[in-house]
PDB file of N, CA and C in Angstrom:
ATOM      1  N   MET A   1     -13.042 -10.934 -15.477  1.00  0.00           N
ATOM      2  CA  MET A   1     -11.600 -10.819 -15.374  1.00  0.00           C
ATOM      3  C   MET A   1     -11.137 -11.412 -14.045  1.00  0.00           C
ATOM      4  N   ASN A   2      -9.917 -11.891 -14.053  1.00  0.00           N
ATOM      5  CA  ASN A   2      -9.293 -12.451 -12.863  1.00  0.00           C
ATOM      6  C   ASN A   2      -8.219 -11.504 -12.359  1.00  0.00           C
ATOM      7  N   LEU A   3      -7.866 -11.654 -11.086  1.00  0.00           N
ATOM      8  CA  LEU A   3      -6.836 -10.827 -10.473  1.00  0.00           C
ATOM      9  C   LEU A   3      -5.733 -11.712  -9.925  1.00  0.00           C
ATOM     10  N   ARG A   4      -4.497 -11.366 -10.265  1.00  0.00           N
ATOM     11  CA  ARG A   4      -3.325 -12.049  -9.702  1.00  0.00           C
ATOM     12  C   ARG A   4      -2.387 -10.974  -9.189  1.00  0.00           C
ATOM     13  N   MET A   5      -1.698 -11.278  -8.091  1.00  0.00           N
ATOM     14  CA  MET A   5      -0.770 -10.318  -7.500  1.00  0.00           C
ATOM     15  C   MET A   5       0.539 -11.017  -7.163  1.00  0.00           C
ATOM     16  N   THR A   6       1.639 -10.290  -7.297  1.00  0.00           N
ATOM     17  CA  THR A   6       2.912 -10.825  -6.864  1.00  0.00           C
ATOM     18  C   THR A   6       2.959 -10.774  -5.337  1.00  0.00           C
ATOM     19  N   LYS A   7       3.883 -11.514  -4.770  1.00  0.00           N
ATOM     20  CA  LYS A   7       4.045 -11.493  -3.317  1.00  0.00           C
ATOM     21  C   LYS A   7       4.393 -10.091  -2.838  1.00  0.00           C
ATOM     22  N   GLN A   8       5.228  -9.373  -3.606  1.00  0.00           N
ATOM     23  CA  GLN A   8       5.608  -8.015  -3.220  1.00  0.00           C
ATOM     24  C   GLN A   8       4.378  -7.122  -3.160  1.00  0.00           C
ATOM     25  N   ALA A   9       3.524  -7.195  -4.170  1.00  0.00           N
ATOM     26  CA  ALA A   9       2.334  -6.350  -4.219  1.00  0.00           C
ATOM     27  C   ALA A   9       1.385  -6.688  -3.067  1.00  0.00           C
ATOM     28  N   LEU A  10       1.216  -7.961  -2.800  1.00  0.00           N
ATOM     29  CA  LEU A  10       0.333  -8.378  -1.717  1.00  0.00           C
ATOM     30  C   LEU A  10       0.873  -7.910  -0.366  1.00  0.00           C
ATOM     31  N   LYS A  11       2.170  -8.088  -0.127  1.00  0.00           N
ATOM     32  CA  LYS A  11       2.766  -7.641   1.135  1.00  0.00           C
ATOM     33  C   LYS A  11       2.674  -6.130   1.278  1.00  0.00           C
ATOM     34  N   ALA A  12       2.903  -5.411   0.175  1.00  0.00           N
ATOM     35  CA  ALA A  12       2.820  -3.948   0.225  1.00  0.00           C
ATOM     36  C   ALA A  12       1.411  -3.503   0.586  1.00  0.00           C
ATOM     37  N   CYS A  13       0.398  -4.142   0.021  1.00  0.00           N
ATOM     38  CA  CYS A  13      -0.995  -3.792   0.342  1.00  0.00           C
ATOM     39  C   CYS A  13      -1.312  -4.109   1.794  1.00  0.00           C
ATOM     40  N   GLN A  14      -0.867  -5.248   2.266  1.00  0.00           N
ATOM     41  CA  GLN A  14      -1.174  -5.655   3.631  1.00  0.00           C
ATOM     42  C   GLN A  14      -0.502  -4.767   4.669  1.00  0.00           C
ATOM     43  N   SER A  15       0.580  -4.091   4.308  1.00  0.00           N
ATOM     44  CA  SER A  15       1.294  -3.255   5.272  1.00  0.00           C
ATOM     45  C   SER A  15       0.778  -1.816   5.311  1.00  0.00           C
ATOM     46  N   LEU A  16      -0.179  -1.483   4.455  1.00  0.00           N
ATOM     47  CA  LEU A  16      -0.695  -0.117   4.398  1.00  0.00           C
ATOM     48  C   LEU A  16      -1.645   0.180   5.554  1.00  0.00           C
ATOM     49  N   ASP A  17      -1.719   1.467   5.914  1.00  0.00           N
ATOM     50  CA  ASP A  17      -2.734   1.910   6.866  1.00  0.00           C
ATOM     51  C   ASP A  17      -4.096   1.771   6.203  1.00  0.00           C
ATOM     52  N   ALA A  18      -5.152   1.824   7.003  1.00  0.00           N
ATOM     53  CA  ALA A  18      -6.508   1.577   6.499  1.00  0.00           C
ATOM     54  C   ALA A  18      -6.879   2.501   5.337  1.00  0.00           C
ATOM     55  N   LYS A  19      -6.575   3.796   5.455  1.00  0.00           N
ATOM     56  CA  LYS A  19      -6.954   4.747   4.402  1.00  0.00           C
ATOM     57  C   LYS A  19      -6.244   4.429   3.092  1.00  0.00           C
ATOM     58  N   GLN A  20      -4.923   4.233   3.159  1.00  0.00           N
ATOM     59  CA  GLN A  20      -4.160   3.930   1.949  1.00  0.00           C
ATOM     60  C   GLN A  20      -4.551   2.564   1.383  1.00  0.00           C
ATOM     61  N   TYR A  21      -4.802   1.604   2.284  1.00  0.00           N
ATOM     62  CA  TYR A  21      -5.226   0.270   1.850  1.00  0.00           C
ATOM     63  C   TYR A  21      -6.509   0.379   1.028  1.00  0.00           C
ATOM     64  N   ARG A  22      -7.469   1.145   1.541  1.00  0.00           N
ATOM     65  CA  ARG A  22      -8.748   1.319   0.847  1.00  0.00           C
ATOM     66  C   ARG A  22      -8.532   1.949  -0.525  1.00  0.00           C
ATOM     67  N   GLN A  23      -7.682   2.984  -0.605  1.00  0.00           N
ATOM     68  CA  GLN A  23      -7.423   3.651  -1.880  1.00  0.00           C
ATOM     69  C   GLN A  23      -6.782   2.703  -2.887  1.00  0.00           C
ATOM     70  N   VAL A  24      -5.751   2.005  -2.453  1.00  0.00           N
ATOM     71  CA  VAL A  24      -5.003   1.133  -3.372  1.00  0.00           C
ATOM     72  C   VAL A  24      -5.843  -0.060  -3.803  1.00  0.00           C
ATOM     73  N   VAL A  25      -6.468  -0.727  -2.858  1.00  0.00           N
ATOM     74  CA  VAL A  25      -7.245  -1.924  -3.193  1.00  0.00           C
ATOM     75  C   VAL A  25      -8.471  -1.567  -4.016  1.00  0.00           C
ATOM     76  N   THR A  26      -9.105  -0.440  -3.729  1.00  0.00           N
ATOM     77  CA  THR A  26     -10.247  -0.002  -4.542  1.00  0.00           C
ATOM     78  C   THR A  26      -9.800   0.236  -5.985  1.00  0.00           C
ATOM     79  N   ALA A  27      -8.633   0.868  -6.164  1.00  0.00           N
ATOM     80  CA  ALA A  27      -8.110   1.103  -7.519  1.00  0.00           C
ATOM     81  C   ALA A  27      -7.788  -0.217  -8.216  1.00  0.00           C
ATOM     82  N   ILE A  28      -7.207  -1.160  -7.469  1.00  0.00           N
ATOM     83  CA  ILE A  28      -6.877  -2.468  -8.055  1.00  0.00           C
ATOM     84  C   ILE A  28      -8.148  -3.207  -8.465  1.00  0.00           C
ATOM     85  N   LEU A  29      -9.143  -3.220  -7.597  1.00  0.00           N
ATOM     86  CA  LEU A  29     -10.386  -3.926  -7.918  1.00  0.00           C
ATOM     87  C   LEU A  29     -11.131  -3.260  -9.076  1.00  0.00           C
ATOM     88  N   ALA A  30     -11.009  -1.937  -9.211  1.00  0.00           N
ATOM     89  CA  ALA A  30     -11.640  -1.232 -10.332  1.00  0.00           C
ATOM     90  C   ALA A  30     -11.034  -1.661 -11.663  1.00  0.00           C
ATOM     91  N   LEU A  31      -9.771  -2.122 -11.639  1.00  0.00           N
ATOM     92  CA  LEU A  31      -9.132  -2.596 -12.869  1.00  0.00           C
ATOM     93  C   LEU A  31      -9.841  -3.810 -13.448  1.00  0.00           C
ATOM     94  N   LEU A  32     -10.548  -4.548 -12.614  1.00  0.00           N
ATOM     95  CA  LEU A  32     -11.256  -5.735 -13.103  1.00  0.00           C
ATOM     96  C   LEU A  32     -12.391  -5.367 -14.051  1.00  0.00           C
ATOM     97  N   SER A  33     -13.013  -4.208 -13.831  1.00  0.00           N
ATOM     98  CA  SER A  33     -14.087  -3.792 -14.730  1.00  0.00           C
ATOM     99  C   SER A  33     -13.575  -2.904 -15.863  1.00  0.00           C
ATOM    100  N   ASN A  34     -12.456  -2.207 -15.643  1.00  0.00           N
ATOM    101  CA  ASN A  34     -11.866  -1.359 -16.672  1.00  0.00           C
ATOM    102  C   ASN A  34     -10.347  -1.431 -16.544  1.00  0.00           C
ATOM    103  N   PRO A  35      -9.706  -2.367 -17.235  1.00  0.00           N
ATOM    104  CA  PRO A  35      -8.277  -2.578 -17.067  1.00  0.00           C
ATOM    105  C   PRO A  35      -7.386  -1.447 -17.611  1.00  0.00           C
ATOM    106  N   GLU A  36      -7.938  -0.544 -18.397  1.00  0.00           N
ATOM    107  CA  GLU A  36      -7.159   0.580 -18.907  1.00  0.00           C
ATOM    108  C   GLU A  36      -7.903   1.886 -18.648  1.00  0.00           C
ATOM    109  N   PRO A  37      -8.007   2.294 -17.367  1.00  0.00           N
ATOM    110  CA  PRO A  37      -8.725   3.539 -17.070  1.00  0.00           C
ATOM    111  C   PRO A  37      -8.001   4.746 -17.677  1.00  0.00           C
ATOM    112  N   HIS A  38      -8.712   5.852 -17.798  1.00  0.00           N
ATOM    113  CA  HIS A  38      -8.147   7.039 -18.451  1.00  0.00           C
ATOM    114  C   HIS A  38      -6.922   7.590 -17.733  1.00  0.00           C
ATOM    115  N   ASP A  39      -6.784   7.334 -16.437  1.00  0.00           N
ATOM    116  CA  ASP A  39      -5.643   7.875 -15.693  1.00  0.00           C
ATOM    117  C   ASP A  39      -4.476   6.896 -15.572  1.00  0.00           C
ATOM    118  N   SER A  40      -4.528   5.764 -16.272  1.00  0.00           N
ATOM    119  CA  SER A  40      -3.383   4.841 -16.282  1.00  0.00           C
ATOM    120  C   SER A  40      -2.483   5.196 -17.465  1.00  0.00           C
ATOM    121  N   GLN A  41      -1.210   4.878 -17.331  1.00  0.00           N
ATOM    122  CA  GLN A  41      -0.241   5.201 -18.376  1.00  0.00           C
ATOM    123  C   GLN A  41       0.579   3.961 -18.719  1.00  0.00           C
ATOM    124  N   PRO A  42       0.860   3.723 -19.997  1.00  0.00           N
ATOM    125  CA  PRO A  42       1.768   2.629 -20.341  1.00  0.00           C
ATOM    126  C   PRO A  42       3.187   2.998 -19.914  1.00  0.00           C
ATOM    127  N   LEU A  43       3.948   2.011 -19.480  1.00  0.00           N
ATOM    128  CA  LEU A  43       5.326   2.251 -19.046  1.00  0.00           C
ATOM    129  C   LEU A  43       6.272   2.171 -20.233  1.00  0.00           C
ATOM    130  N   ARG A  44       7.218   3.109 -20.288  1.00  0.00           N
ATOM    131  CA  ARG A  44       8.247   3.052 -21.324  1.00  0.00           C
ATOM    132  C   ARG A  44       9.173   1.888 -21.015  1.00  0.00           C
ATOM    133  N   GLY A  45       9.543   1.155 -22.032  1.00  0.00           N
ATOM    134  CA  GLY A  45      10.443   0.021 -21.850  1.00  0.00           C
ATOM    135  C   GLY A  45       9.752  -1.221 -21.313  1.00  0.00           C
ATOM    136  N   ALA A  46       8.437  -1.205 -21.264  1.00  0.00           N
ATOM    137  CA  ALA A  46       7.706  -2.361 -20.758  1.00  0.00           C
ATOM    138  C   ALA A  46       7.777  -3.509 -21.751  1.00  0.00           C
ATOM    139  N   THR A  47       8.032  -4.697 -21.236  1.00  0.00           N
ATOM    140  CA  THR A  47       8.165  -5.865 -22.099  1.00  0.00           C
ATOM    141  C   THR A  47       6.852  -6.610 -22.290  1.00  0.00           C
ATOM    142  N   ARG A  48       5.936  -6.442 -21.349  1.00  0.00           N
ATOM    143  CA  ARG A  48       4.652  -7.156 -21.423  1.00  0.00           C
ATOM    144  C   ARG A  48       3.469  -6.196 -21.437  1.00  0.00           C
ATOM    145  N   GLY A  49       3.694  -4.951 -21.812  1.00  0.00           N
ATOM    146  CA  GLY A  49       2.612  -3.976 -21.845  1.00  0.00           C
ATOM    147  C   GLY A  49       2.220  -3.478 -20.461  1.00  0.00           C
ATOM    148  N   GLU A  50       3.180  -3.431 -19.545  1.00  0.00           N
ATOM    149  CA  GLU A  50       2.885  -2.971 -18.192  1.00  0.00           C
ATOM    150  C   GLU A  50       2.388  -1.528 -18.206  1.00  0.00           C
ATOM    151  N   ARG A  51       1.525  -1.237 -17.246  1.00  0.00           N
ATOM    152  CA  ARG A  51       0.947   0.089 -17.093  1.00  0.00           C
ATOM    153  C   ARG A  51       1.094   0.526 -15.653  1.00  0.00           C
ATOM    154  N   ARG A  52       0.959   1.831 -15.414  1.00  0.00           N
ATOM    155  CA  ARG A  52       0.988   2.330 -14.049  1.00  0.00           C
ATOM    156  C   ARG A  52      -0.307   3.052 -13.749  1.00  0.00           C
ATOM    157  N   LEU A  53      -0.684   3.001 -12.496  1.00  0.00           N
ATOM    158  CA  LEU A  53      -1.907   3.647 -12.034  1.00  0.00           C
ATOM    159  C   LEU A  53      -1.608   4.287 -10.690  1.00  0.00           C
ATOM    160  N   ASP A  54      -2.006   5.539 -10.525  1.00  0.00           N
ATOM    161  CA  ASP A  54      -1.819   6.219  -9.252  1.00  0.00           C
ATOM    162  C   ASP A  54      -3.039   5.987  -8.376  1.00  0.00           C
ATOM    163  N   ALA A  55      -2.770   5.681  -7.104  1.00  0.00           N
ATOM    164  CA  ALA A  55      -3.839   5.473  -6.122  1.00  0.00           C
ATOM    165  C   ALA A  55      -3.412   6.181  -4.836  1.00  0.00           C
ATOM    166  N   GLY A  56      -3.869   7.403  -4.669  1.00  0.00           N
ATOM    167  CA  GLY A  56      -3.460   8.172  -3.500  1.00  0.00           C
ATOM    168  C   GLY A  56      -1.972   8.437  -3.562  1.00  0.00           C
ATOM    169  N   GLU A  57      -1.256   8.107  -2.492  1.00  0.00           N
ATOM    170  CA  GLU A  57       0.188   8.312  -2.420  1.00  0.00           C
ATOM    171  C   GLU A  57       0.968   7.141  -3.018  1.00  0.00           C
ATOM    172  N   TYR A  58       0.272   6.190  -3.583  1.00  0.00           N
ATOM    173  CA  TYR A  58       0.914   4.965  -4.070  1.00  0.00           C
ATOM    174  C   TYR A  58       0.727   4.800  -5.567  1.00  0.00           C
ATOM    175  N   ARG A  59       1.605   4.017  -6.149  1.00  0.00           N
ATOM    176  CA  ARG A  59       1.554   3.707  -7.567  1.00  0.00           C
ATOM    177  C   ARG A  59       1.447   2.197  -7.713  1.00  0.00           C
ATOM    178  N   VAL A  60       0.604   1.758  -8.634  1.00  0.00           N
ATOM    179  CA  VAL A  60       0.398   0.340  -8.917  1.00  0.00           C
ATOM    180  C   VAL A  60       0.918   0.074 -10.324  1.00  0.00           C
ATOM    181  N   ILE A  61       1.822  -0.881 -10.448  1.00  0.00           N
ATOM    182  CA  ILE A  61       2.301  -1.309 -11.762  1.00  0.00           C
ATOM    183  C   ILE A  61       1.662  -2.659 -12.044  1.00  0.00           C
ATOM    184  N   TYR A  62       1.002  -2.751 -13.196  1.00  0.00           N
ATOM    185  CA  TYR A  62       0.267  -3.969 -13.520  1.00  0.00           C
ATOM    186  C   TYR A  62       0.362  -4.271 -15.007  1.00  0.00           C
ATOM    187  N   ALA A  63      -0.020  -5.483 -15.356  1.00  0.00           N
ATOM    188  CA  ALA A  63      -0.062  -5.907 -16.753  1.00  0.00           C
ATOM    189  C   ALA A  63      -1.387  -6.624 -16.985  1.00  0.00           C
ATOM    190  N   ILE A  64      -1.816  -6.608 -18.219  1.00  0.00           N
ATOM    191  CA  ILE A  64      -3.043  -7.312 -18.594  1.00  0.00           C
ATOM    192  C   ILE A  64      -2.635  -8.483 -19.466  1.00  0.00           C
ATOM    193  N   ALA A  65      -3.020  -9.677 -19.055  1.00  0.00           N
ATOM    194  CA  ALA A  65      -2.699 -10.885 -19.810  1.00  0.00           C
ATOM    195  C   ALA A  65      -3.999 -11.630 -20.078  1.00  0.00           C
ATOM    196  N   GLY A  66      -4.545 -11.432 -21.261  1.00  0.00           N
ATOM    197  CA  GLY A  66      -5.815 -12.074 -21.597  1.00  0.00           C
ATOM    198  C   GLY A  66      -6.926 -11.564 -20.700  1.00  0.00           C
ATOM    199  N   GLU A  67      -7.511 -12.447 -19.933  1.00  0.00           N
ATOM    200  CA  GLU A  67      -8.595 -12.097 -19.014  1.00  0.00           C
ATOM    201  C   GLU A  67      -8.098 -11.907 -17.588  1.00  0.00           C
ATOM    202  N   THR A  68      -6.804 -11.665 -17.409  1.00  0.00           N
ATOM    203  CA  THR A  68      -6.221 -11.545 -16.077  1.00  0.00           C
ATOM    204  C   THR A  68      -5.499 -10.217 -15.916  1.00  0.00           C
ATOM    205  N   VAL A  69      -5.779  -9.536 -14.817  1.00  0.00           N
ATOM    206  CA  VAL A  69      -5.031  -8.351 -14.430  1.00  0.00           C
ATOM    207  C   VAL A  69      -3.971  -8.827 -13.443  1.00  0.00           C
ATOM    208  N   GLU A  70      -2.709  -8.602 -13.782  1.00  0.00           N
ATOM    209  CA  GLU A  70      -1.603  -9.050 -12.942  1.00  0.00           C
ATOM    210  C   GLU A  70      -0.975  -7.825 -12.272  1.00  0.00           C
ATOM    211  N   VAL A  71      -1.161  -7.684 -10.975  1.00  0.00           N
ATOM    212  CA  VAL A  71      -0.566  -6.581 -10.227  1.00  0.00           C
ATOM    213  C   VAL A  71       0.852  -7.002  -9.872  1.00  0.00           C
ATOM    214  N   LEU A  72       1.824  -6.262 -10.398  1.00  0.00           N
ATOM    215  CA  LEU A  72       3.219  -6.641 -10.249  1.00  0.00           C
ATOM    216  C   LEU A  72       3.888  -5.959  -9.061  1.00  0.00           C
ATOM    217  N   VAL A  73       3.678  -4.643  -8.916  1.00  0.00           N
ATOM    218  CA  VAL A  73       4.365  -3.874  -7.875  1.00  0.00           C
ATOM    219  C   VAL A  73       3.426  -2.812  -7.333  1.00  0.00           C
ATOM    220  N   VAL A  74       3.463  -2.616  -6.017  1.00  0.00           N
ATOM    221  CA  VAL A  74       2.784  -1.510  -5.358  1.00  0.00           C
ATOM    222  C   VAL A  74       3.840  -0.788  -4.539  1.00  0.00           C
ATOM    223  N   GLY A  75       3.937   0.529  -4.714  1.00  0.00           N
ATOM    224  CA  GLY A  75       4.941   1.289  -3.978  1.00  0.00           C
ATOM    225  C   GLY A  75       4.608   2.762  -3.928  1.00  0.00           C
ATOM    226  N   LYS A  76       5.364   3.490  -3.113  1.00  0.00           N
ATOM    227  CA  LYS A  76       5.175   4.934  -2.965  1.00  0.00           C
ATOM    228  C   LYS A  76       5.429   5.652  -4.281  1.00  0.00           C
ATOM    229  N   ARG A  77       4.690   6.741  -4.501  1.00  0.00           N
ATOM    230  CA  ARG A  77       4.859   7.540  -5.711  1.00  0.00           C
ATOM    231  C   ARG A  77       6.090   8.429  -5.636  1.00  0.00           C
ATOM    232  N   ASN A  78       6.550   8.726  -4.440  1.00  0.00           N
ATOM    233  CA  ASN A  78       7.694   9.626  -4.279  1.00  0.00           C
ATOM    234  C   ASN A  78       8.935   9.037  -4.930  1.00  0.00           C
ATOM    235  N   GLY A  79       9.639   9.872  -5.673  1.00  0.00           N
ATOM    236  CA  GLY A  79      10.876   9.418  -6.308  1.00  0.00           C
ATOM    237  C   GLY A  79      10.622   8.294  -7.293  1.00  0.00           C
ATOM    238  N   ASP A  80      11.604   7.431  -7.411  1.00  0.00           N
ATOM    239  CA  ASP A  80      11.490   6.332  -8.370  1.00  0.00           C
ATOM    240  C   ASP A  80      11.550   4.969  -7.685  1.00  0.00           C
ATOM    241  N   GLU A  81      11.187   4.929  -6.408  1.00  0.00           N
ATOM    242  CA  GLU A  81      11.237   3.679  -5.634  1.00  0.00           C
ATOM    243  C   GLU A  81      10.460   2.560  -6.305  1.00  0.00           C
ATOM    244  N   VAL A  82       9.245   2.844  -6.746  1.00  0.00           N
ATOM    245  CA  VAL A  82       8.402   1.805  -7.319  1.00  0.00           C
ATOM    246  C   VAL A  82       9.009   1.250  -8.606  1.00  0.00           C
ATOM    247  N   TYR A  83       9.694   2.110  -9.364  1.00  0.00           N
ATOM    248  CA  TYR A  83      10.312   1.639 -10.609  1.00  0.00           C
ATOM    249  C   TYR A  83      11.550   0.791 -10.326  1.00  0.00           C
ATOM    250  N   LYS A  84      12.282   1.116  -9.275  1.00  0.00           N
ATOM    251  CA  LYS A  84      13.419   0.279  -8.870  1.00  0.00           C
ATOM    252  C   LYS A  84      12.936  -1.106  -8.461  1.00  0.00           C
ATOM    253  N   ILE A  85      11.830  -1.154  -7.727  1.00  0.00           N
ATOM    254  CA  ILE A  85      11.253  -2.442  -7.324  1.00  0.00           C
ATOM    255  C   ILE A  85      10.818  -3.223  -8.558  1.00  0.00           C
ATOM    256  N   TRP A  86      10.185  -2.532  -9.508  1.00  0.00           N
ATOM    257  CA  TRP A  86       9.713  -3.182 -10.739  1.00  0.00           C
ATOM    258  C   TRP A  86      10.890  -3.747 -11.532  1.00  0.00           C
ATOM    259  N   HIS A  87      11.953  -2.957 -11.701  1.00  0.00           N
ATOM    260  CA  HIS A  87      13.120  -3.442 -12.444  1.00  0.00           C
ATOM    261  C   HIS A  87      13.775  -4.625 -11.731  1.00  0.00           C
ATOM    262  N   ALA A  88      13.856  -4.566 -10.409  1.00  0.00           N
ATOM    263  CA  ALA A  88      14.416  -5.692  -9.650  1.00  0.00           C
ATOM    264  C   ALA A  88      13.550  -6.927  -9.841  1.00  0.00           C
ATOM    265  N   TRP A  89      12.225  -6.750  -9.822  1.00  0.00           N
ATOM    266  CA  TRP A  89      11.303  -7.867 -10.017  1.00  0.00           C
ATOM    267  C   TRP A  89      11.495  -8.468 -11.411  1.00  0.00           C
ATOM    268  N   LEU A  90      11.617  -7.612 -12.420  1.00  0.00           N
ATOM    269  CA  LEU A  90      11.824  -8.098 -13.787  1.00  0.00           C
ATOM    270  C   LEU A  90      13.115  -8.902 -13.901  1.00  0.00           C
ATOM    271  N   ASN A  91      14.179  -8.384 -13.310  1.00  0.00           N
ATOM    272  CA  ASN A  91      15.471  -9.076 -13.391  1.00  0.00           C
ATOM    273  C   ASN A  91      15.451 -10.424 -12.681  1.00  0.00           C
ATOM    274  N   ARG A  92      14.746 -10.507 -11.556  1.00  0.00           N
ATOM    275  CA  ARG A  92      14.656 -11.770 -10.823  1.00  0.00           C
ATOM    276  C   ARG A  92      13.811 -12.794 -11.553  1.00  0.00           C
ATOM    277  N   LYS A  93      12.767 -12.348 -12.226  1.00  0.00           N
ATOM    278  CA  LYS A  93      11.787 -13.269 -12.811  1.00  0.00           C
ATOM    279  C   LYS A  93      12.051 -13.616 -14.262  1.00  0.00           C
ATOM    280  N   LYS A  94      13.100 -13.064 -14.866  1.00  0.00           N
ATOM    281  CA  LYS A  94      13.381 -13.378 -16.274  1.00  0.00           C
ATOM    282  C   LYS A  94      13.542 -14.875 -16.453  1.00  0.00           C
ATOM    283  N   GLY A  95      12.732 -15.424 -17.345  1.00  0.00           N
ATOM    284  CA  GLY A  95      12.852 -16.829 -17.667  1.00  0.00           C
ATOM    285  C   GLY A  95      12.276 -17.773 -16.629  1.00  0.00           C
ATOM    286  N   ARG A  96      11.644 -17.235 -15.601  1.00  0.00           N
ATOM    287  CA  ARG A  96      11.066 -18.100 -14.565  1.00  0.00           C
ATOM    288  C   ARG A  96       9.545 -18.009 -14.608  1.00  0.00           C
ATOM    289  N   PRO A  97       8.866 -18.992 -15.186  1.00  0.00           N
ATOM    290  CA  PRO A  97       7.407 -18.956 -15.227  1.00  0.00           C
ATOM    291  C   PRO A  97       6.827 -19.139 -13.830  1.00  0.00           C
ATOM    292  N   GLY A  98       5.599 -18.709 -13.682  1.00  0.00           N
ATOM    293  CA  GLY A  98       4.922 -18.890 -12.410  1.00  0.00           C
ATOM    294  C   GLY A  98       5.308 -17.873 -11.360  1.00  0.00           C
ATOM    295  N   ALA A  99       5.754 -16.697 -11.777  1.00  0.00           N
ATOM    296  CA  ALA A  99       6.184 -15.677 -10.837  1.00  0.00           C
ATOM    297  C   ALA A  99       4.997 -15.081 -10.081  1.00  0.00           C
ATOM    298  N   LEU A 100       3.821 -15.214 -10.635  1.00  0.00           N
ATOM    299  CA  LEU A 100       2.628 -14.658 -10.000  1.00  0.00           C
ATOM    300  C   LEU A 100       1.852 -15.760  -9.300  1.00  0.00           C
ATOM    301  N   SER A 101       1.173 -15.388  -8.235  1.00  0.00           N
ATOM    302  CA  SER A 101       0.329 -16.358  -7.552  1.00  0.00           C
ATOM    303  C   SER A 101      -1.046 -15.754  -7.333  1.00  0.00           C
ATOM    304  N   SER A 102      -2.054 -16.574  -7.397  1.00  0.00           N
ATOM    305  CA  SER A 102      -3.401 -16.091  -7.126  1.00  0.00           C
ATOM    306  C   SER A 102      -3.497 -15.731  -5.662  1.00  0.00           C
ATOM    307  N   CYS A 103      -4.318 -14.754  -5.366  1.00  0.00           N
ATOM    308  CA  CYS A 103      -4.441 -14.331  -3.983  1.00  0.00           C
ATOM    309  C   CYS A 103      -5.837 -13.792  -3.725  1.00  0.00           C
ATOM    310  N   ALA A 104      -6.144 -13.638  -2.478  1.00  0.00           N
ATOM    311  CA  ALA A 104      -7.406 -13.032  -2.081  1.00  0.00           C
ATOM    312  C   ALA A 104      -7.080 -11.788  -1.274  1.00  0.00           C
ATOM    313  N   ILE A 105      -7.761 -10.707  -1.573  1.00  0.00           N
ATOM    314  CA  ILE A 105      -7.576  -9.487  -0.811  1.00  0.00           C
ATOM    315  C   ILE A 105      -8.591  -9.491   0.313  1.00  0.00           C
ATOM    316  N   ARG A 106      -8.092  -9.278   1.517  1.00  0.00           N
ATOM    317  CA  ARG A 106      -8.969  -9.310   2.675  1.00  0.00           C
ATOM    318  C   ARG A 106     -10.059  -8.254   2.578  1.00  0.00           C
ATOM    319  N   SER A 107     -11.107  -8.430   3.330  1.00  0.00           N
ATOM    320  CA  SER A 107     -12.282  -7.546   3.217  1.00  0.00           C
ATOM    321  C   SER A 107     -12.131  -6.243   3.980  1.00  0.00           C
ATOM    322  N   ARG A 108     -10.903  -5.764   4.183  1.00  0.00           N
ATOM    323  CA  ARG A 108     -10.703  -4.463   4.818  1.00  0.00           C
ATOM    324  C   ARG A 108     -11.219  -3.338   3.951  1.00  0.00           C
ATOM    325  N   VAL A 109     -11.404  -3.573   2.658  1.00  0.00           N
ATOM    326  CA  VAL A 109     -11.857  -2.530   1.747  1.00  0.00           C
ATOM    327  C   VAL A 109     -13.212  -2.005   2.187  1.00  0.00           C
ATOM    328  N   SER A 110     -14.097  -2.864   2.608  1.00  0.00           N
ATOM    329  CA  SER A 110     -15.450  -2.431   2.963  1.00  0.00           C
ATOM    330  C   SER A 110     -15.524  -1.783   4.331  1.00  0.00           C
ATOM    331  N   ALA A 111     -14.463  -1.906   5.134  1.00  0.00           N
ATOM    332  CA  ALA A 111     -14.473  -1.271   6.455  1.00  0.00           C
ATOM    333  C   ALA A 111     -14.378   0.237   6.307  1.00  0.00           C
ATOM    334  N   ALA A 112     -15.110   0.934   7.115  1.00  0.00           N
ATOM    335  CA  ALA A 112     -15.136   2.405   7.001  1.00  0.00           C
ATOM    336  C   ALA A 112     -13.981   3.040   7.702  1.00  0.00           C
TER     337      ALA A 112
END
């Protein structure tokens, strides 16, 4: 499986403290071996089969497209902030292909 992340998701991951970064990135990388873990939930009103996954204090919204896991939004679980970001992302990207870009996650995950 391949991994793609939106700019928002990548920036959100890069701005996390080490502990939260490890939790979120570990959860994202685990999606490559199991894209629909038992603790993920499909989103109501999702147009592309988007799902949500909790990782510590953060929520990851992602979609599976063939052999690619597309991480769309990473945000705090408190309130509905992450869903507002997701809806804003959907509204901006309607009809615009290429909204996702390939990326590399830095090796902070392995740091203790």
